């Protein structure tokens, strides 16, 4: 850690400036100081580990039915019981983590990739380019994300791939509008003017200057939209449009267990709690990133 000297005009003395903390350490300090953010980060980490280690940590095959063990209550053999086909509920929840994580990553990648490019182009070139792109985005925003993804999934059909595409398309407007607003602000900066003066190309200015300086708010949005994408997939699966059986999906498990809500409530409650914890955790981490990356709060937290 380095110290810098500073001259104090009031005392005519040279004083030591406070140590400079790296940006990464500052962000880590801000996020780790809030227990809700730490809790959310732990749940997200557990989700990732569970998703990748599912074949090794799941006690049973999540797909293979066992008609001799249907609708069993929680026991030592089956910690969360079994469903109507005798499949272990805990094993299906563990394997469902991979489905949820995959949908979140792919859907957010689709939305972010398309939305960021459209917002970058619209904000940089402005005029008629901005008008055309923004009017299309306004038309998409007239429909809430969940009904829009439901309509797209109904047109494309069920299946994991179509669910990821439909959820990704429904989230494009948020990235496009945020990126466009960031570019409209940043492109008026002096260093962008200097880049124009020295003859930098439009592509270089957009990729070298505008995109990196617009990324912190986008990182927060990506984290928040991971939870939204997982919740949208669970909603589509609950309605029967999402993941096709017999694949394990949390939303479909909630829907299947709804029939036995009074006799065996864990069939619905267990996957429902998993969805709630994961979505809440991504929102907690997103709030922590927002506070840590907000330039107005530097020096305060």
Protein backbone atom coordinates (compact mmCIF):
# COMPACT_ATOMS: atom_id res chain seq x y z
CA UNK A 1 0.00 0.00 0.00
CA UNK A 2 1.49 3.35 -1.06
CA UNK A 3 1.33 6.70 0.73
CA UNK A 4 1.45 10.04 -1.07
CA UNK A 5 2.74 13.29 0.38
CA UNK A 6 0.57 16.38 0.30
CA UNK A 7 1.43 20.02 1.10
CA UNK A 8 -0.91 21.76 3.57
CA UNK A 9 -1.12 25.50 2.82
CA UNK A 10 -2.60 26.31 6.23
CA UNK A 11 0.23 24.85 8.30
CA UNK A 12 3.02 25.05 5.70
CA UNK A 13 3.78 21.42 6.37
CA UNK A 14 3.97 18.30 4.26
CA UNK A 15 1.48 15.70 5.46
CA UNK A 16 0.92 12.12 4.49
CA UNK A 17 -2.17 11.48 2.37
CA UNK A 18 -4.39 8.58 3.36
CA UNK A 19 -3.56 5.29 1.65
CA UNK A 20 -5.23 4.64 -1.67
CA UNK A 21 -7.43 1.57 -1.80
CA UNK A 22 -7.84 -0.32 -5.07
CA UNK A 23 -11.25 -0.24 -6.70
CA UNK A 24 -11.67 -3.99 -6.34
CA UNK A 25 -10.90 -3.90 -2.61
CA UNK A 26 -13.28 -0.99 -2.13
CA UNK A 27 -16.11 -2.84 -3.87
CA UNK A 28 -15.40 -6.00 -1.89
CA UNK A 29 -15.35 -4.03 1.37
CA UNK A 30 -18.67 -2.35 0.62
CA UNK A 31 -20.39 -5.60 -0.31
CA UNK A 32 -18.94 -7.68 2.51
CA UNK A 33 -20.01 -5.10 5.10
CA UNK A 34 -23.71 -5.89 4.46
CA UNK A 35 -24.86 -9.26 5.76
CA UNK A 36 -27.78 -9.48 3.31
CA UNK A 37 -25.39 -9.18 0.37
CA UNK A 38 -23.08 -11.80 1.88
CA UNK A 39 -26.07 -14.10 2.41
CA UNK A 40 -27.17 -13.59 -1.21
CA UNK A 41 -23.66 -14.27 -2.51
CA UNK A 42 -23.47 -17.51 -0.50
CA UNK A 43 -26.81 -18.71 -1.93
CA UNK A 44 -25.69 -17.86 -5.48
CA UNK A 45 -22.42 -19.72 -4.91
CA UNK A 46 -24.33 -22.74 -3.58
CA UNK A 47 -26.57 -22.62 -6.67
CA UNK A 48 -23.56 -22.69 -8.99
CA UNK A 49 -21.87 -25.53 -7.09
CA UNK A 50 -25.10 -27.53 -6.92
CA UNK A 51 -25.73 -27.06 -10.64
CA UNK A 52 -22.28 -28.28 -11.67
CA UNK A 53 -22.04 -31.09 -9.11
CA UNK A 54 -25.62 -32.34 -9.48
CA UNK A 55 -24.73 -35.72 -11.07
CA UNK A 56 -22.47 -36.53 -8.10
CA UNK A 57 -24.39 -35.13 -5.12
CA UNK A 58 -27.96 -36.13 -6.09
CA UNK A 59 -28.84 -39.32 -4.16
CA UNK A 60 -31.18 -40.71 -6.85
CA UNK A 61 -31.86 -40.53 -10.57
CA UNK A 62 -34.15 -37.49 -11.03
CA UNK A 63 -35.94 -38.97 -14.08
CA UNK A 64 -36.30 -42.69 -13.39
CA UNK A 65 -39.74 -43.45 -11.85
CA UNK A 66 -40.31 -45.87 -8.99
CA UNK A 67 -44.01 -46.72 -8.82
CA UNK A 68 -43.51 -48.68 -5.60
CA UNK A 69 -42.47 -45.51 -3.74
CA UNK A 70 -45.00 -42.92 -4.88
CA UNK A 71 -45.97 -39.90 -2.76
CA UNK A 72 -43.85 -40.82 0.22
CA UNK A 73 -43.50 -38.36 3.08
CA UNK A 74 -40.02 -37.02 3.98
CA UNK A 75 -37.88 -39.74 5.55
CA UNK A 76 -34.27 -40.78 5.98
CA UNK A 77 -34.37 -42.54 2.61
CA UNK A 78 -35.97 -39.57 0.85
CA UNK A 79 -35.30 -36.34 2.74
CA UNK A 80 -38.01 -34.41 0.86
CA UNK A 81 -40.20 -37.37 -0.03
CA UNK A 82 -41.16 -38.59 -3.50
CA UNK A 83 -43.55 -37.34 -6.17
CA UNK A 84 -46.47 -39.08 -7.88
CA UNK A 85 -44.08 -41.18 -9.98
CA UNK A 86 -41.85 -42.16 -7.06
CA UNK A 87 -39.00 -39.85 -8.06
CA UNK A 88 -36.90 -38.35 -5.26
CA UNK A 89 -37.85 -34.69 -4.79
CA UNK A 90 -34.44 -33.63 -3.44
CA UNK A 91 -32.66 -35.13 -6.46
CA UNK A 92 -35.01 -33.32 -8.83
CA UNK A 93 -34.44 -30.00 -7.03
CA UNK A 94 -30.67 -30.49 -7.25
CA UNK A 95 -30.82 -31.22 -10.99
CA UNK A 96 -33.30 -28.38 -11.46
CA UNK A 97 -30.59 -25.97 -10.26
CA UNK A 98 -28.65 -26.65 -13.47
CA UNK A 99 -31.71 -25.90 -15.59
CA UNK A 100 -32.39 -22.62 -13.77
CA UNK A 101 -28.76 -21.50 -13.89
CA UNK A 102 -28.47 -22.34 -17.58
CA UNK A 103 -31.67 -20.48 -18.44
CA UNK A 104 -30.49 -17.45 -16.45
CA UNK A 105 -27.08 -17.29 -18.10
CA UNK A 106 -28.21 -17.91 -21.69
CA UNK A 107 -31.30 -15.67 -21.50
CA UNK A 108 -29.34 -12.78 -19.98
CA UNK A 109 -26.59 -13.27 -22.58
CA UNK A 110 -29.13 -13.05 -25.41
CA UNK A 111 -30.82 -9.99 -23.92
CA UNK A 112 -27.57 -8.25 -23.02
CA UNK A 113 -25.83 -8.97 -26.31
CA UNK A 114 -28.68 -7.66 -28.48
CA UNK A 115 -29.85 -4.89 -26.15
CA UNK A 116 -26.40 -3.43 -25.50
CA UNK A 117 -25.54 -3.31 -29.21
CA UNK A 118 -28.85 -1.66 -30.10
CA UNK A 119 -28.54 0.86 -27.27
CA UNK A 120 -24.94 1.65 -28.19
CA UNK A 121 -25.82 2.28 -31.83
CA UNK A 122 -28.95 4.28 -30.99
CA UNK A 123 -27.21 6.49 -28.44
CA UNK A 124 -24.09 7.12 -30.50
CA UNK A 125 -25.61 7.92 -33.89
CA UNK A 126 -28.83 9.50 -32.59
CA UNK A 127 -31.33 11.17 -34.96
CA UNK A 128 -33.30 8.76 -37.14
CA UNK A 129 -31.31 5.72 -35.98
CA UNK A 130 -32.24 6.47 -32.39
CA UNK A 131 -35.87 7.10 -33.31
CA UNK A 132 -36.30 3.81 -35.17
CA UNK A 133 -34.63 1.66 -32.50
CA UNK A 134 -36.32 3.37 -29.57
CA UNK A 135 -39.77 3.13 -31.10
CA UNK A 136 -39.31 -0.63 -31.53
CA UNK A 137 -38.13 -0.87 -27.93
CA UNK A 138 -41.11 1.21 -26.75
CA UNK A 139 -43.45 -1.20 -28.51
CA UNK A 140 -41.79 -4.15 -26.74
CA UNK A 141 -41.96 -2.38 -23.38
CA UNK A 142 -45.71 -1.90 -23.82
CA UNK A 143 -45.98 -5.61 -22.90
CA UNK A 144 -44.57 -6.70 -19.51
CA UNK A 145 -41.65 -9.17 -19.74
CA UNK A 146 -43.53 -12.21 -18.43
CA UNK A 147 -46.55 -11.98 -20.78
CA UNK A 148 -44.18 -11.20 -23.66
CA UNK A 149 -42.01 -14.24 -22.93
CA UNK A 150 -45.19 -16.30 -22.52
CA UNK A 151 -46.43 -15.23 -25.95
CA UNK A 152 -43.07 -15.91 -27.61
CA UNK A 153 -42.73 -19.30 -25.92
CA UNK A 154 -46.24 -20.23 -27.02
CA UNK A 155 -45.32 -19.40 -30.61
CA UNK A 156 -41.99 -21.22 -30.54
CA UNK A 157 -43.22 -24.18 -28.53
CA UNK A 158 -41.92 -25.74 -25.34
CA UNK A 159 -38.42 -26.91 -24.60
CA UNK A 160 -35.35 -25.50 -22.88
CA UNK A 161 -33.97 -23.73 -25.96
CA UNK A 162 -37.22 -21.94 -26.77
CA UNK A 163 -37.64 -20.88 -23.15
CA UNK A 164 -34.18 -19.30 -23.11
CA UNK A 165 -34.87 -17.49 -26.38
CA UNK A 166 -38.27 -16.19 -25.28
CA UNK A 167 -37.03 -14.97 -21.90
CA UNK A 168 -33.97 -13.38 -23.53
CA UNK A 169 -36.06 -11.47 -26.08
CA UNK A 170 -38.41 -10.19 -23.38
CA UNK A 171 -35.47 -8.66 -21.44
CA UNK A 172 -33.89 -6.83 -24.41
CA UNK A 173 -35.64 -3.44 -23.82
CA UNK A 174 -34.12 -2.94 -20.35
CA UNK A 175 -30.56 -3.26 -21.67
CA UNK A 176 -31.23 -1.16 -24.74
CA UNK A 177 -32.72 1.79 -22.87
CA UNK A 178 -30.08 1.74 -20.13
CA UNK A 179 -27.22 1.54 -22.64
CA UNK A 180 -28.69 4.30 -24.78
CA UNK A 181 -29.03 6.60 -21.78
CA UNK A 182 -25.46 5.92 -20.69
CA UNK A 183 -24.09 6.60 -24.18
CA UNK A 184 -26.06 9.84 -24.55
CA UNK A 185 -24.42 11.08 -21.34
CA UNK A 186 -20.88 9.82 -21.90
CA UNK A 187 -20.51 10.86 -25.54
CA UNK A 188 -20.59 14.52 -24.50
CA UNK A 189 -17.42 14.07 -22.40
CA UNK A 190 -14.18 15.79 -23.33
CA UNK A 191 -12.28 12.56 -23.96
CA UNK A 192 -14.87 11.50 -26.55
CA UNK A 193 -14.44 14.88 -28.28
CA UNK A 194 -10.67 14.38 -28.19
CA UNK A 195 -11.06 10.94 -29.77
CA UNK A 196 -13.03 12.50 -32.62
CA UNK A 197 -10.37 15.19 -33.07
CA UNK A 198 -7.51 12.71 -33.42
CA UNK A 199 -9.51 10.81 -36.04
CA UNK A 200 -10.64 7.73 -34.10
CA UNK A 201 -13.24 5.67 -35.97
CA UNK A 202 -16.79 5.29 -34.74
CA UNK A 203 -16.28 1.60 -33.98
CA UNK A 204 -13.16 2.35 -31.93
CA UNK A 205 -14.91 5.07 -29.94
CA UNK A 206 -17.91 2.87 -29.23
CA UNK A 207 -15.91 -0.22 -28.24
CA UNK A 208 -12.88 1.40 -26.62
CA UNK A 209 -14.48 4.32 -24.76
CA UNK A 210 -18.27 4.21 -24.59
CA UNK A 211 -18.85 0.52 -23.85
CA UNK A 212 -16.31 0.12 -20.99
CA UNK A 213 -17.43 3.33 -19.27
CA UNK A 214 -21.09 2.27 -19.51
CA UNK A 215 -20.53 -1.21 -18.11
CA UNK A 216 -20.91 -0.72 -14.29
CA UNK A 217 -24.68 -0.03 -14.42
CA UNK A 218 -25.05 -2.87 -16.93
CA UNK A 219 -23.32 -5.25 -14.51
CA UNK A 220 -25.92 -4.43 -11.87
CA UNK A 221 -28.73 -4.99 -14.39
CA UNK A 222 -27.23 -8.34 -15.44
CA UNK A 223 -27.23 -9.52 -11.84
CA UNK A 224 -30.82 -8.44 -11.25
CA UNK A 225 -32.01 -9.95 -14.52
CA UNK A 226 -30.52 -13.33 -13.62
CA UNK A 227 -33.16 -13.61 -10.93
CA UNK A 228 -35.88 -12.34 -13.28
CA UNK A 229 -34.91 -14.89 -15.94
CA UNK A 230 -34.98 -17.76 -13.44
CA UNK A 231 -38.38 -16.63 -12.16
CA UNK A 232 -39.70 -16.34 -15.73
CA UNK A 233 -38.54 -19.87 -16.55
CA UNK A 234 -40.21 -21.19 -13.40
CA UNK A 235 -43.43 -19.37 -14.34
CA UNK A 236 -43.42 -20.76 -17.87
CA UNK A 237 -42.73 -24.28 -16.58
CA UNK A 238 -45.54 -23.88 -14.03
CA UNK A 239 -47.92 -23.01 -16.86
CA UNK A 240 -46.78 -26.03 -18.87
CA UNK A 241 -44.98 -24.07 -21.62
CA UNK A 242 -41.44 -24.31 -20.26
CA UNK A 243 -39.19 -27.32 -19.82
CA UNK A 244 -40.69 -30.49 -21.26
CA UNK A 245 -41.11 -33.55 -18.97
CA UNK A 246 -39.49 -35.57 -17.57
CA UNK A 247 -36.67 -33.03 -17.14
CA UNK A 248 -36.45 -31.53 -13.66
CA UNK A 249 -37.57 -27.89 -13.51
CA UNK A 250 -38.56 -26.04 -10.35
CA UNK A 251 -41.64 -24.42 -11.87
CA UNK A 252 -42.95 -27.71 -13.22
CA UNK A 253 -42.35 -29.34 -9.83
CA UNK A 254 -44.44 -26.64 -8.14
CA UNK A 255 -47.21 -27.25 -10.67
CA UNK A 256 -47.10 -31.05 -10.23
CA UNK A 257 -47.12 -30.80 -6.45
CA UNK A 258 -50.05 -28.39 -6.43
CA UNK A 259 -52.46 -31.33 -6.75
CA UNK A 260 -51.21 -32.74 -3.43
CA UNK A 261 -50.92 -29.43 -1.58
CA UNK A 262 -52.99 -30.59 1.42
CA UNK A 263 -51.74 -34.17 1.65
CA UNK A 264 -48.04 -33.66 0.78
CA UNK A 265 -47.26 -29.90 0.71
CA UNK A 266 -43.49 -30.36 0.49
CA UNK A 267 -43.87 -31.32 -3.18
CA UNK A 268 -44.72 -27.69 -3.98
CA UNK A 269 -43.11 -25.86 -1.08
CA UNK A 270 -39.59 -27.27 -1.56
CA UNK A 271 -39.08 -26.15 -5.19
CA UNK A 272 -40.98 -22.94 -4.46
CA UNK A 273 -38.59 -22.08 -1.64
CA UNK A 274 -35.66 -22.83 -3.96
CA UNK A 275 -36.98 -20.35 -6.54
CA UNK A 276 -37.64 -17.73 -3.87
CA UNK A 277 -34.17 -18.01 -2.33
CA UNK A 278 -32.34 -17.87 -5.65
CA UNK A 279 -34.29 -14.89 -7.02
CA UNK A 280 -33.99 -13.03 -3.70
CA UNK A 281 -30.25 -13.73 -3.56
CA UNK A 282 -29.59 -12.36 -7.04
CA UNK A 283 -31.54 -9.22 -6.09
CA UNK A 284 -29.47 -8.84 -2.91
CA UNK A 285 -26.21 -9.18 -4.83
CA UNK A 286 -27.47 -6.72 -7.45
CA UNK A 287 -28.35 -4.16 -4.77
CA UNK A 288 -24.90 -4.57 -3.25
CA UNK A 289 -23.21 -4.06 -6.61
CA UNK A 290 -25.35 -0.98 -7.25
CA UNK A 291 -24.23 0.61 -3.99
CA UNK A 292 -20.59 -0.36 -4.52
CA UNK A 293 -20.42 0.93 -8.12
CA UNK A 294 -22.39 4.14 -7.57
CA UNK A 295 -19.85 6.99 -8.00
CA UNK A 296 -21.99 9.28 -5.80
CA UNK A 297 -21.33 7.01 -2.83
CA UNK A 298 -17.54 6.86 -3.18
CA UNK A 299 -15.92 8.21 -0.10
CA UNK A 300 -19.12 7.61 1.90
CA UNK A 301 -19.34 3.80 1.89
